[in-house]
């Protein structure tokens, strides 16, 4: 009824290792392609131009970016403490710790 056409091959030849296969992998392309684009774009920019330097200096990114603590306070909805309130809270918590230690020893 069924006849064998030929001998069954259980083993196949292994593919050769090439560096090109690694360079064409998705992960390598996702890592290096944006870097290549960034570096080539920076080469085309003339950063020695005085107008570009003035524009970059006028941005003042450090002044516009909020601190991480301010972002957390905004997200939690709590009001930020003033400097006087902070010192009161710190001395109050330190006093509680000291009082708690004295009661534990006696």
PDB file of N, CA and C in Angstrom:
ATOM      1  N   UNK A   1       0.818  -1.171   0.000  1.00  0.00           N
ATOM      2  CA  UNK A   1       0.000   0.000   0.000  1.00  0.00           C
ATOM      3  C   UNK A   1       0.879   1.259   0.000  1.00  0.00           C
ATOM      4  N   UNK A   2       1.686   1.490   1.065  1.00  0.00           N
ATOM      5  CA  UNK A   2       2.620   2.614   1.101  1.00  0.00           C
ATOM      6  C   UNK A   2       4.020   2.083   0.865  1.00  0.00           C
ATOM      7  N   UNK A   3       4.714   2.744   0.004  1.00  0.00           N
ATOM      8  CA  UNK A   3       6.086   2.327  -0.278  1.00  0.00           C
ATOM      9  C   UNK A   3       7.050   3.466   0.042  1.00  0.00           C
ATOM     10  N   UNK A   4       8.190   3.129   0.493  1.00  0.00           N
ATOM     11  CA  UNK A   4       9.217   4.109   0.821  1.00  0.00           C
ATOM     12  C   UNK A   4       9.815   4.661  -0.454  1.00  0.00           C
ATOM     13  N   UNK A   5       9.914   5.998  -0.533  1.00  0.00           N
ATOM     14  CA  UNK A   5      10.492   6.629  -1.697  1.00  0.00           C
ATOM     15  C   UNK A   5      12.016   6.627  -1.598  1.00  0.00           C
ATOM     16  N   UNK A   6      12.508   6.780  -0.413  1.00  0.00           N
ATOM     17  CA  UNK A   6      13.948   6.818  -0.222  1.00  0.00           C
ATOM     18  C   UNK A   6      14.269   6.657   1.240  1.00  0.00           C
ATOM     19  N   UNK A   7      15.520   6.772   1.546  1.00  0.00           N
ATOM     20  CA  UNK A   7      15.952   6.639   2.923  1.00  0.00           C
ATOM     21  C   UNK A   7      15.640   7.910   3.702  1.00  0.00           C
ATOM     22  N   UNK A   8      15.142   7.803   4.925  1.00  0.00           N
ATOM     23  CA  UNK A   8      14.765   8.936   5.773  1.00  0.00           C
ATOM     24  C   UNK A   8      16.021   9.629   6.304  1.00  0.00           C
ATOM     25  N   UNK A   9      16.056  10.966   6.201  1.00  0.00           N
ATOM     26  CA  UNK A   9      17.193  11.729   6.734  1.00  0.00           C
ATOM     27  C   UNK A   9      16.817  12.280   8.099  1.00  0.00           C
ATOM     28  N   UNK A  10      17.485  11.825   9.147  1.00  0.00           N
ATOM     29  CA  UNK A  10      17.209  12.294  10.497  1.00  0.00           C
ATOM     30  C   UNK A  10      18.060  13.511  10.861  1.00  0.00           C
ATOM     31  N   UNK A  11      19.188  13.615  10.279  1.00  0.00           N
ATOM     32  CA  UNK A  11      20.117  14.693  10.613  1.00  0.00           C
ATOM     33  C   UNK A  11      20.281  15.617   9.421  1.00  0.00           C
ATOM     34  N   UNK A  12      20.381  16.918   9.746  1.00  0.00           N
ATOM     35  CA  UNK A  12      20.583  17.917   8.701  1.00  0.00           C
ATOM     36  C   UNK A  12      21.901  18.617   8.951  1.00  0.00           C
ATOM     37  N   UNK A  13      22.450  19.175   7.902  1.00  0.00           N
ATOM     38  CA  UNK A  13      23.704  19.904   8.051  1.00  0.00           C
ATOM     39  C   UNK A  13      23.446  21.208   8.799  1.00  0.00           C
ATOM     40  N   UNK A  14      24.376  21.529   9.654  1.00  0.00           N
ATOM     41  CA  UNK A  14      24.270  22.742  10.454  1.00  0.00           C
ATOM     42  C   UNK A  14      24.588  23.959   9.586  1.00  0.00           C
ATOM     43  N   UNK A  15      23.840  25.081   9.854  1.00  0.00           N
ATOM     44  CA  UNK A  15      24.122  26.307   9.116  1.00  0.00           C
ATOM     45  C   UNK A  15      25.455  26.883   9.574  1.00  0.00           C
ATOM     46  N   UNK A  16      26.123  27.555   8.666  1.00  0.00           N
ATOM     47  CA  UNK A  16      27.403  28.152   9.000  1.00  0.00           C
ATOM     48  C   UNK A  16      27.181  29.429   9.816  1.00  0.00           C
ATOM     49  N   UNK A  17      28.124  29.701  10.720  1.00  0.00           N
ATOM     50  CA  UNK A  17      28.082  30.907  11.535  1.00  0.00           C
ATOM     51  C   UNK A  17      28.730  32.048  10.773  1.00  0.00           C
ATOM     52  N   UNK A  18      27.982  33.137  10.603  1.00  0.00           N
ATOM     53  CA  UNK A  18      28.541  34.316   9.941  1.00  0.00           C
ATOM     54  C   UNK A  18      28.240  35.554  10.785  1.00  0.00           C
ATOM     55  N   UNK A  19      29.114  36.512  10.713  1.00  0.00           N
ATOM     56  CA  UNK A  19      28.962  37.750  11.461  1.00  0.00           C
ATOM     57  C   UNK A  19      27.808  38.571  10.888  1.00  0.00           C
ATOM     58  N   UNK A  20      27.556  38.446   9.628  1.00  0.00           N
ATOM     59  CA  UNK A  20      26.481  39.197   8.974  1.00  0.00           C
ATOM     60  C   UNK A  20      25.122  38.814   9.565  1.00  0.00           C
ATOM     61  N   UNK A  21      24.959  37.546   9.928  1.00  0.00           N
ATOM     62  CA  UNK A  21      23.698  37.128  10.547  1.00  0.00           C
ATOM     63  C   UNK A  21      23.469  37.847  11.876  1.00  0.00           C
ATOM     64  N   UNK A  22      24.533  38.049  12.636  1.00  0.00           N
ATOM     65  CA  UNK A  22      24.399  38.758  13.910  1.00  0.00           C
ATOM     66  C   UNK A  22      24.070  40.229  13.659  1.00  0.00           C
ATOM     67  N   UNK A  23      24.727  40.844  12.694  1.00  0.00           N
ATOM     68  CA  UNK A  23      24.491  42.258  12.415  1.00  0.00           C
ATOM     69  C   UNK A  23      23.095  42.517  11.870  1.00  0.00           C
ATOM     70  N   UNK A  24      22.505  41.530  11.232  1.00  0.00           N
ATOM     71  CA  UNK A  24      21.166  41.697  10.678  1.00  0.00           C
ATOM     72  C   UNK A  24      20.072  41.302  11.662  1.00  0.00           C
ATOM     73  N   UNK A  25      20.417  40.895  12.863  1.00  0.00           N
ATOM     74  CA  UNK A  25      19.395  40.513  13.831  1.00  0.00           C
ATOM     75  C   UNK A  25      18.609  41.745  14.280  1.00  0.00           C
ATOM     76  N   UNK A  26      17.397  41.533  14.698  1.00  0.00           N
ATOM     77  CA  UNK A  26      16.507  42.641  15.062  1.00  0.00           C
ATOM     78  C   UNK A  26      17.041  43.437  16.245  1.00  0.00           C
ATOM     79  N   UNK A  27      17.582  42.758  17.218  1.00  0.00           N
ATOM     80  CA  UNK A  27      18.040  43.439  18.421  1.00  0.00           C
ATOM     81  C   UNK A  27      19.224  44.357  18.114  1.00  0.00           C
ATOM     82  N   UNK A  28      20.135  43.904  17.304  1.00  0.00           N
ATOM     83  CA  UNK A  28      21.289  44.729  16.950  1.00  0.00           C
ATOM     84  C   UNK A  28      20.831  45.929  16.137  1.00  0.00           C
ATOM     85  N   UNK A  29      19.896  45.721  15.233  1.00  0.00           N
ATOM     86  CA  UNK A  29      19.394  46.838  14.447  1.00  0.00           C
ATOM     87  C   UNK A  29      18.668  47.855  15.321  1.00  0.00           C
ATOM     88  N   UNK A  30      17.911  47.391  16.300  1.00  0.00           N
ATOM     89  CA  UNK A  30      17.200  48.322  17.186  1.00  0.00           C
ATOM     90  C   UNK A  30      18.168  49.096  18.068  1.00  0.00           C
ATOM     91  N   UNK A  31      19.318  48.525  18.386  1.00  0.00           N
ATOM     92  CA  UNK A  31      20.282  49.227  19.233  1.00  0.00           C
ATOM     93  C   UNK A  31      21.143  50.195  18.438  1.00  0.00           C
ATOM     94  N   UNK A  32      21.644  49.750  17.307  1.00  0.00           N
ATOM     95  CA  UNK A  32      22.653  50.538  16.607  1.00  0.00           C
ATOM     96  C   UNK A  32      22.094  51.483  15.552  1.00  0.00           C
ATOM     97  N   UNK A  33      20.970  51.182  14.976  1.00  0.00           N
ATOM     98  CA  UNK A  33      20.424  52.058  13.946  1.00  0.00           C
ATOM     99  C   UNK A  33      20.077  53.447  14.499  1.00  0.00           C
ATOM    100  N   UNK A  34      19.413  53.583  15.651  1.00  0.00           N
ATOM    101  CA  UNK A  34      19.189  54.937  16.187  1.00  0.00           C
ATOM    102  C   UNK A  34      20.481  55.668  16.537  1.00  0.00           C
ATOM    103  N   UNK A  35      21.478  54.919  17.017  1.00  0.00           N
ATOM    104  CA  UNK A  35      22.758  55.569  17.337  1.00  0.00           C
ATOM    105  C   UNK A  35      23.422  56.104  16.077  1.00  0.00           C
ATOM    106  N   UNK A  36      23.373  55.347  15.013  1.00  0.00           N
ATOM    107  CA  UNK A  36      23.968  55.787  13.748  1.00  0.00           C
ATOM    108  C   UNK A  36      23.242  57.023  13.236  1.00  0.00           C
ATOM    109  N   UNK A  37      21.921  57.016  13.324  1.00  0.00           N
ATOM    110  CA  UNK A  37      21.140  58.173  12.867  1.00  0.00           C
ATOM    111  C   UNK A  37      21.480  59.396  13.712  1.00  0.00           C
ATOM    112  N   UNK A  38      21.590  59.224  15.017  1.00  0.00           N
ATOM    113  CA  UNK A  38      21.903  60.337  15.910  1.00  0.00           C
ATOM    114  C   UNK A  38      23.277  60.927  15.604  1.00  0.00           C
ATOM    115  N   UNK A  39      24.273  60.062  15.479  1.00  0.00           N
ATOM    116  CA  UNK A  39      25.621  60.563  15.230  1.00  0.00           C
ATOM    117  C   UNK A  39      25.756  61.215  13.861  1.00  0.00           C
ATOM    118  N   UNK A  40      25.080  60.687  12.859  1.00  0.00           N
ATOM    119  CA  UNK A  40      25.149  61.334  11.542  1.00  0.00           C
ATOM    120  C   UNK A  40      24.419  62.665  11.563  1.00  0.00           C
ATOM    121  N   UNK A  41      23.316  62.763  12.310  1.00  0.00           N
ATOM    122  CA  UNK A  41      22.608  64.040  12.408  1.00  0.00           C
ATOM    123  C   UNK A  41      23.466  65.074  13.123  1.00  0.00           C
ATOM    124  N   UNK A  42      24.203  64.656  14.148  1.00  0.00           N
ATOM    125  CA  UNK A  42      25.076  65.595  14.853  1.00  0.00           C
ATOM    126  C   UNK A  42      26.237  66.057  13.986  1.00  0.00           C
ATOM    127  N   UNK A  43      26.688  65.214  13.076  1.00  0.00           N
ATOM    128  CA  UNK A  43      27.772  65.617  12.173  1.00  0.00           C
ATOM    129  C   UNK A  43      27.307  66.700  11.214  1.00  0.00           C
ATOM    130  N   UNK A  44      26.023  66.649  10.825  1.00  0.00           N
ATOM    131  CA  UNK A  44      25.514  67.640   9.884  1.00  0.00           C
ATOM    132  C   UNK A  44      25.236  68.980  10.552  1.00  0.00           C
ATOM    133  N   UNK A  45      25.030  68.985  11.865  1.00  0.00           N
ATOM    134  CA  UNK A  45      24.802  70.241  12.572  1.00  0.00           C
ATOM    135  C   UNK A  45      26.115  70.981  12.750  1.00  0.00           C
ATOM    136  N   UNK A  46      26.055  72.263  12.578  1.00  0.00           N
ATOM    137  CA  UNK A  46      27.245  73.080  12.792  1.00  0.00           C
ATOM    138  C   UNK A  46      27.134  73.692  14.179  1.00  0.00           C
ATOM    139  N   UNK A  47      27.751  73.039  15.178  1.00  0.00           N
ATOM    140  CA  UNK A  47      27.653  73.508  16.553  1.00  0.00           C
ATOM    141  C   UNK A  47      28.594  74.670  16.856  1.00  0.00           C
ATOM    142  N   UNK A  48      29.471  75.004  15.932  1.00  0.00           N
ATOM    143  CA  UNK A  48      30.362  76.141  16.130  1.00  0.00           C
ATOM    144  C   UNK A  48      29.700  77.459  15.741  1.00  0.00           C
ATOM    145  N   UNK A  49      28.506  77.369  15.199  1.00  0.00           N
ATOM    146  CA  UNK A  49      27.777  78.558  14.789  1.00  0.00           C
ATOM    147  C   UNK A  49      27.351  79.349  16.033  1.00  0.00           C
ATOM    148  N   UNK A  50      27.620  80.644  16.095  1.00  0.00           N
ATOM    149  CA  UNK A  50      27.275  81.420  17.291  1.00  0.00           C
ATOM    150  C   UNK A  50      25.765  81.476  17.557  1.00  0.00           C
ATOM    151  N   UNK A  51      24.955  81.471  16.506  1.00  0.00           N
ATOM    152  CA  UNK A  51      23.506  81.510  16.709  1.00  0.00           C
ATOM    153  C   UNK A  51      23.006  80.231  17.371  1.00  0.00           C
ATOM    154  N   UNK A  52      23.556  79.098  16.954  1.00  0.00           N
ATOM    155  CA  UNK A  52      23.148  77.820  17.538  1.00  0.00           C
ATOM    156  C   UNK A  52      23.574  77.760  19.002  1.00  0.00           C
ATOM    157  N   UNK A  53      24.792  78.236  19.300  1.00  0.00           N
ATOM    158  CA  UNK A  53      25.253  78.255  20.688  1.00  0.00           C
ATOM    159  C   UNK A  53      24.366  79.145  21.557  1.00  0.00           C
ATOM    160  N   UNK A  54      23.969  80.282  21.010  1.00  0.00           N
ATOM    161  CA  UNK A  54      23.116  81.195  21.768  1.00  0.00           C
ATOM    162  C   UNK A  54      21.742  80.562  22.009  1.00  0.00           C
ATOM    163  N   UNK A  55      21.202  79.870  21.022  1.00  0.00           N
ATOM    164  CA  UNK A  55      19.909  79.194  21.189  1.00  0.00           C
ATOM    165  C   UNK A  55      19.992  78.090  22.236  1.00  0.00           C
ATOM    166  N   UNK A  56      21.064  77.312  22.205  1.00  0.00           N
ATOM    167  CA  UNK A  56      21.220  76.233  23.177  1.00  0.00           C
ATOM    168  C   UNK A  56      21.396  76.785  24.590  1.00  0.00           C
ATOM    169  N   UNK A  57      22.124  77.873  24.725  1.00  0.00           N
ATOM    170  CA  UNK A  57      22.318  78.464  26.044  1.00  0.00           C
ATOM    171  C   UNK A  57      21.053  79.136  26.563  1.00  0.00           C
ATOM    172  N   UNK A  58      20.206  79.626  25.664  1.00  0.00           N
ATOM    173  CA  UNK A  58      18.990  80.304  26.097  1.00  0.00           C
ATOM    174  C   UNK A  58      17.913  79.322  26.555  1.00  0.00           C
ATOM    175  N   UNK A  59      18.077  78.046  26.265  1.00  0.00           N
ATOM    176  CA  UNK A  59      17.056  77.072  26.664  1.00  0.00           C
ATOM    177  C   UNK A  59      16.977  76.913  28.180  1.00  0.00           C
ATOM    178  N   UNK A  60      18.117  76.898  28.855  1.00  0.00           N
ATOM    179  CA  UNK A  60      18.174  76.747  30.318  1.00  0.00           C
ATOM    180  C   UNK A  60      17.311  75.588  30.790  1.00  0.00           C
ATOM    181  N   UNK A  61      17.665  74.410  30.377  1.00  0.00           N
ATOM    182  CA  UNK A  61      16.878  73.220  30.716  1.00  0.00           C
ATOM    183  C   UNK A  61      16.872  72.934  32.208  1.00  0.00           C
ATOM    184  N   UNK A  62      17.943  73.279  32.906  1.00  0.00           N
ATOM    185  CA  UNK A  62      18.004  72.995  34.340  1.00  0.00           C
ATOM    186  C   UNK A  62      16.976  73.808  35.110  1.00  0.00           C
ATOM    187  N   UNK A  63      16.683  75.005  34.657  1.00  0.00           N
ATOM    188  CA  UNK A  63      15.720  75.844  35.362  1.00  0.00           C
ATOM    189  C   UNK A  63      14.293  75.393  35.100  1.00  0.00           C
ATOM    190  N   UNK A  64      14.023  74.829  33.935  1.00  0.00           N
ATOM    191  CA  UNK A  64      12.657  74.452  33.587  1.00  0.00           C
ATOM    192  C   UNK A  64      12.277  73.075  34.113  1.00  0.00           C
ATOM    193  N   UNK A  65      13.232  72.178  34.280  1.00  0.00           N
ATOM    194  CA  UNK A  65      12.911  70.824  34.701  1.00  0.00           C
ATOM    195  C   UNK A  65      12.672  70.759  36.202  1.00  0.00           C
ATOM    196  N   UNK A  66      11.544  70.194  36.633  1.00  0.00           N
ATOM    197  CA  UNK A  66      11.285  70.081  38.073  1.00  0.00           C
ATOM    198  C   UNK A  66      12.105  68.942  38.674  1.00  0.00           C
ATOM    199  N   UNK A  67      12.292  69.011  39.975  1.00  0.00           N
ATOM    200  CA  UNK A  67      13.008  67.954  40.670  1.00  0.00           C
ATOM    201  C   UNK A  67      12.096  66.749  40.845  1.00  0.00           C
ATOM    202  N   UNK A  68      12.686  65.612  41.098  1.00  0.00           N
ATOM    203  CA  UNK A  68      11.922  64.384  41.271  1.00  0.00           C
ATOM    204  C   UNK A  68      10.995  64.468  42.476  1.00  0.00           C
ATOM    205  N   UNK A  69      11.468  65.090  43.547  1.00  0.00           N
ATOM    206  CA  UNK A  69      10.633  65.219  44.744  1.00  0.00           C
ATOM    207  C   UNK A  69       9.388  66.062  44.459  1.00  0.00           C
ATOM    208  N   UNK A  70       9.532  67.109  43.648  1.00  0.00           N
ATOM    209  CA  UNK A  70       8.379  67.933  43.299  1.00  0.00           C
ATOM    210  C   UNK A  70       7.377  67.143  42.469  1.00  0.00           C
ATOM    211  N   UNK A  71       7.859  66.309  41.568  1.00  0.00           N
ATOM    212  CA  UNK A  71       6.957  65.487  40.759  1.00  0.00           C
ATOM    213  C   UNK A  71       6.182  64.502  41.621  1.00  0.00           C
ATOM    214  N   UNK A  72       6.845  63.893  42.595  1.00  0.00           N
ATOM    215  CA  UNK A  72       6.174  62.927  43.476  1.00  0.00           C
ATOM    216  C   UNK A  72       5.114  63.630  44.312  1.00  0.00           C
ATOM    217  N   UNK A  73       5.432  64.830  44.790  1.00  0.00           N
ATOM    218  CA  UNK A  73       4.469  65.585  45.592  1.00  0.00           C
ATOM    219  C   UNK A  73       3.250  65.944  44.738  1.00  0.00           C
ATOM    220  N   UNK A  74       3.483  66.336  43.499  1.00  0.00           N
ATOM    221  CA  UNK A  74       2.363  66.677  42.622  1.00  0.00           C
ATOM    222  C   UNK A  74       1.503  65.455  42.322  1.00  0.00           C
ATOM    223  N   UNK A  75       2.136  64.304  42.142  1.00  0.00           N
ATOM    224  CA  UNK A  75       1.388  63.093  41.832  1.00  0.00           C
ATOM    225  C   UNK A  75       0.571  62.602  43.024  1.00  0.00           C
ATOM    226  N   UNK A  76       1.105  62.748  44.230  1.00  0.00           N
ATOM    227  CA  UNK A  76       0.383  62.281  45.412  1.00  0.00           C
ATOM    228  C   UNK A  76      -0.664  63.281  45.874  1.00  0.00           C
ATOM    229  N   UNK A  77      -0.567  64.525  45.445  1.00  0.00           N
ATOM    230  CA  UNK A  77      -1.567  65.524  45.786  1.00  0.00           C
ATOM    231  C   UNK A  77      -1.322  66.215  47.112  1.00  0.00           C
ATOM    232  N   UNK A  78      -0.207  65.972  47.755  1.00  0.00           N
ATOM    233  CA  UNK A  78       0.107  66.624  49.026  1.00  0.00           C
ATOM    234  C   UNK A  78       0.743  67.981  48.753  1.00  0.00           C
ATOM    235  N   UNK A  79       0.573  68.901  49.697  1.00  0.00           N
ATOM    236  CA  UNK A  79       1.212  70.203  49.564  1.00  0.00           C
ATOM    237  C   UNK A  79       2.671  70.098  49.987  1.00  0.00           C
ATOM    238  N   UNK A  80       3.561  70.759  49.265  1.00  0.00           N
ATOM    239  CA  UNK A  80       4.963  70.747  49.702  1.00  0.00           C
ATOM    240  C   UNK A  80       5.137  71.574  50.969  1.00  0.00           C
ATOM    241  N   UNK A  81       6.010  71.119  51.846  1.00  0.00           N
ATOM    242  CA  UNK A  81       6.266  71.816  53.108  1.00  0.00           C
ATOM    243  C   UNK A  81       7.238  72.959  52.898  1.00  0.00           C
ATOM    244  N   UNK A  82       7.026  74.034  53.666  1.00  0.00           N
ATOM    245  CA  UNK A  82       7.986  75.135  53.670  1.00  0.00           C
ATOM    246  C   UNK A  82       9.210  74.700  54.457  1.00  0.00           C
ATOM    247  N   UNK A  83      10.239  75.535  54.422  1.00  0.00           N
ATOM    248  CA  UNK A  83      11.469  75.213  55.145  1.00  0.00           C
ATOM    249  C   UNK A  83      11.222  75.156  56.647  1.00  0.00           C
ATOM    250  N   UNK A  84      10.392  76.075  57.168  1.00  0.00           N
ATOM    251  CA  UNK A  84      10.106  76.084  58.612  1.00  0.00           C
ATOM    252  C   UNK A  84       9.316  74.834  59.007  1.00  0.00           C
ATOM    253  N   UNK A  85       8.351  74.457  58.171  1.00  0.00           N
ATOM    254  CA  UNK A  85       7.548  73.273  58.473  1.00  0.00           C
ATOM    255  C   UNK A  85       8.401  72.009  58.436  1.00  0.00           C
ATOM    256  N   UNK A  86       9.341  71.971  57.502  1.00  0.00           N
ATOM    257  CA  UNK A  86      10.238  70.808  57.427  1.00  0.00           C
ATOM    258  C   UNK A  86      11.062  70.663  58.697  1.00  0.00           C
ATOM    259  N   UNK A  87      11.629  71.774  59.170  1.00  0.00           N
ATOM    260  CA  UNK A  87      12.458  71.689  60.376  1.00  0.00           C
ATOM    261  C   UNK A  87      11.612  71.297  61.578  1.00  0.00           C
ATOM    262  N   UNK A  88      10.359  71.786  61.651  1.00  0.00           N
ATOM    263  CA  UNK A  88       9.478  71.390  62.748  1.00  0.00           C
ATOM    264  C   UNK A  88       9.194  69.897  62.703  1.00  0.00           C
ATOM    265  N   UNK A  89       8.912  69.378  61.493  1.00  0.00           N
ATOM    266  CA  UNK A  89       8.615  67.950  61.338  1.00  0.00           C
ATOM    267  C   UNK A  89       9.833  67.104  61.718  1.00  0.00           C
ATOM    268  N   UNK A  90      11.012  67.557  61.312  1.00  0.00           N
ATOM    269  CA  UNK A  90      12.231  66.793  61.605  1.00  0.00           C
ATOM    270  C   UNK A  90      12.502  66.779  63.104  1.00  0.00           C
ATOM    271  N   UNK A  91      12.425  67.943  63.748  1.00  0.00           N
ATOM    272  CA  UNK A  91      12.684  67.988  65.194  1.00  0.00           C
ATOM    273  C   UNK A  91      11.609  67.233  65.955  1.00  0.00           C
ATOM    274  N   UNK A  92      10.388  67.283  65.491  1.00  0.00           N
ATOM    275  CA  UNK A  92       9.295  66.555  66.135  1.00  0.00           C
ATOM    276  C   UNK A  92       9.530  65.050  66.047  1.00  0.00           C
ATOM    277  N   UNK A  93       9.924  64.578  64.847  1.00  0.00           N
ATOM    278  CA  UNK A  93      10.161  63.141  64.690  1.00  0.00           C
ATOM    279  C   UNK A  93      11.399  62.698  65.465  1.00  0.00           C
ATOM    280  N   UNK A  94      12.418  63.554  65.532  1.00  0.00           N
ATOM    281  CA  UNK A  94      13.607  63.209  66.320  1.00  0.00           C
ATOM    282  C   UNK A  94      13.285  63.166  67.800  1.00  0.00           C
ATOM    283  N   UNK A  95      12.426  64.081  68.253  1.00  0.00           N
ATOM    284  CA  UNK A  95      12.024  64.088  69.650  1.00  0.00           C
ATOM    285  C   UNK A  95      11.230  62.844  70.005  1.00  0.00           C
ATOM    286  N   UNK A  96      10.367  62.387  69.099  1.00  0.00           N
ATOM    287  CA  UNK A  96       9.599  61.167  69.340  1.00  0.00           C
ATOM    288  C   UNK A  96      10.506  59.960  69.436  1.00  0.00           C
ATOM    289  N   UNK A  97      11.530  59.931  68.608  1.00  0.00           N
ATOM    290  CA  UNK A  97      12.467  58.811  68.633  1.00  0.00           C
ATOM    291  C   UNK A  97      13.227  58.809  69.946  1.00  0.00           C
ATOM    292  N   UNK A  98      13.674  59.993  70.379  1.00  0.00           N
ATOM    293  CA  UNK A  98      14.408  60.073  71.637  1.00  0.00           C
ATOM    294  C   UNK A  98      13.528  59.688  72.815  1.00  0.00           C
ATOM    295  N   UNK A  99      12.298  60.167  72.857  1.00  0.00           N
ATOM    296  CA  UNK A  99      11.388  59.822  73.940  1.00  0.00           C
ATOM    297  C   UNK A  99      11.067  58.335  73.936  1.00  0.00           C
ATOM    298  N   UNK A 100      10.934  57.757  72.756  1.00  0.00           N
ATOM    299  CA  UNK A 100      10.655  56.334  72.667  1.00  0.00           C
ATOM    300  C   UNK A 100      11.806  55.493  73.172  1.00  0.00           C
ATOM    301  N   UNK A 101      13.038  55.955  72.956  1.00  0.00           N
ATOM    302  CA  UNK A 101      14.204  55.213  73.439  1.00  0.00           C
ATOM    303  C   UNK A 101      14.313  55.272  74.956  1.00  0.00           C
ATOM    304  N   UNK A 102      13.996  56.431  75.540  1.00  0.00           N
ATOM    305  CA  UNK A 102      14.088  56.562  76.993  1.00  0.00           C
ATOM    306  C   UNK A 102      13.073  55.682  77.674  1.00  0.00           C
ATOM    307  N   UNK A 103      11.875  55.590  77.159  1.00  0.00           N
ATOM    308  CA  UNK A 103      10.848  54.746  77.759  1.00  0.00           C
ATOM    309  C   UNK A 103      11.190  53.272  77.656  1.00  0.00           C
ATOM    310  N   UNK A 104      11.890  52.890  76.607  1.00  0.00           N
ATOM    311  CA  UNK A 104      12.236  51.487  76.404  1.00  0.00           C
ATOM    312  C   UNK A 104      13.317  51.040  77.369  1.00  0.00           C
ATOM    313  N   UNK A 105      14.229  51.961  77.773  1.00  0.00           N
ATOM    314  CA  UNK A 105      15.333  51.578  78.651  1.00  0.00           C
ATOM    315  C   UNK A 105      14.920  51.512  80.105  1.00  0.00           C
ATOM    316  N   UNK A 106      13.881  52.252  80.512  1.00  0.00           N
ATOM    317  CA  UNK A 106      13.498  52.276  81.923  1.00  0.00           C
ATOM    318  C   UNK A 106      12.495  51.233  82.267  1.00  0.00           C
TER     319      UNK A 106
END
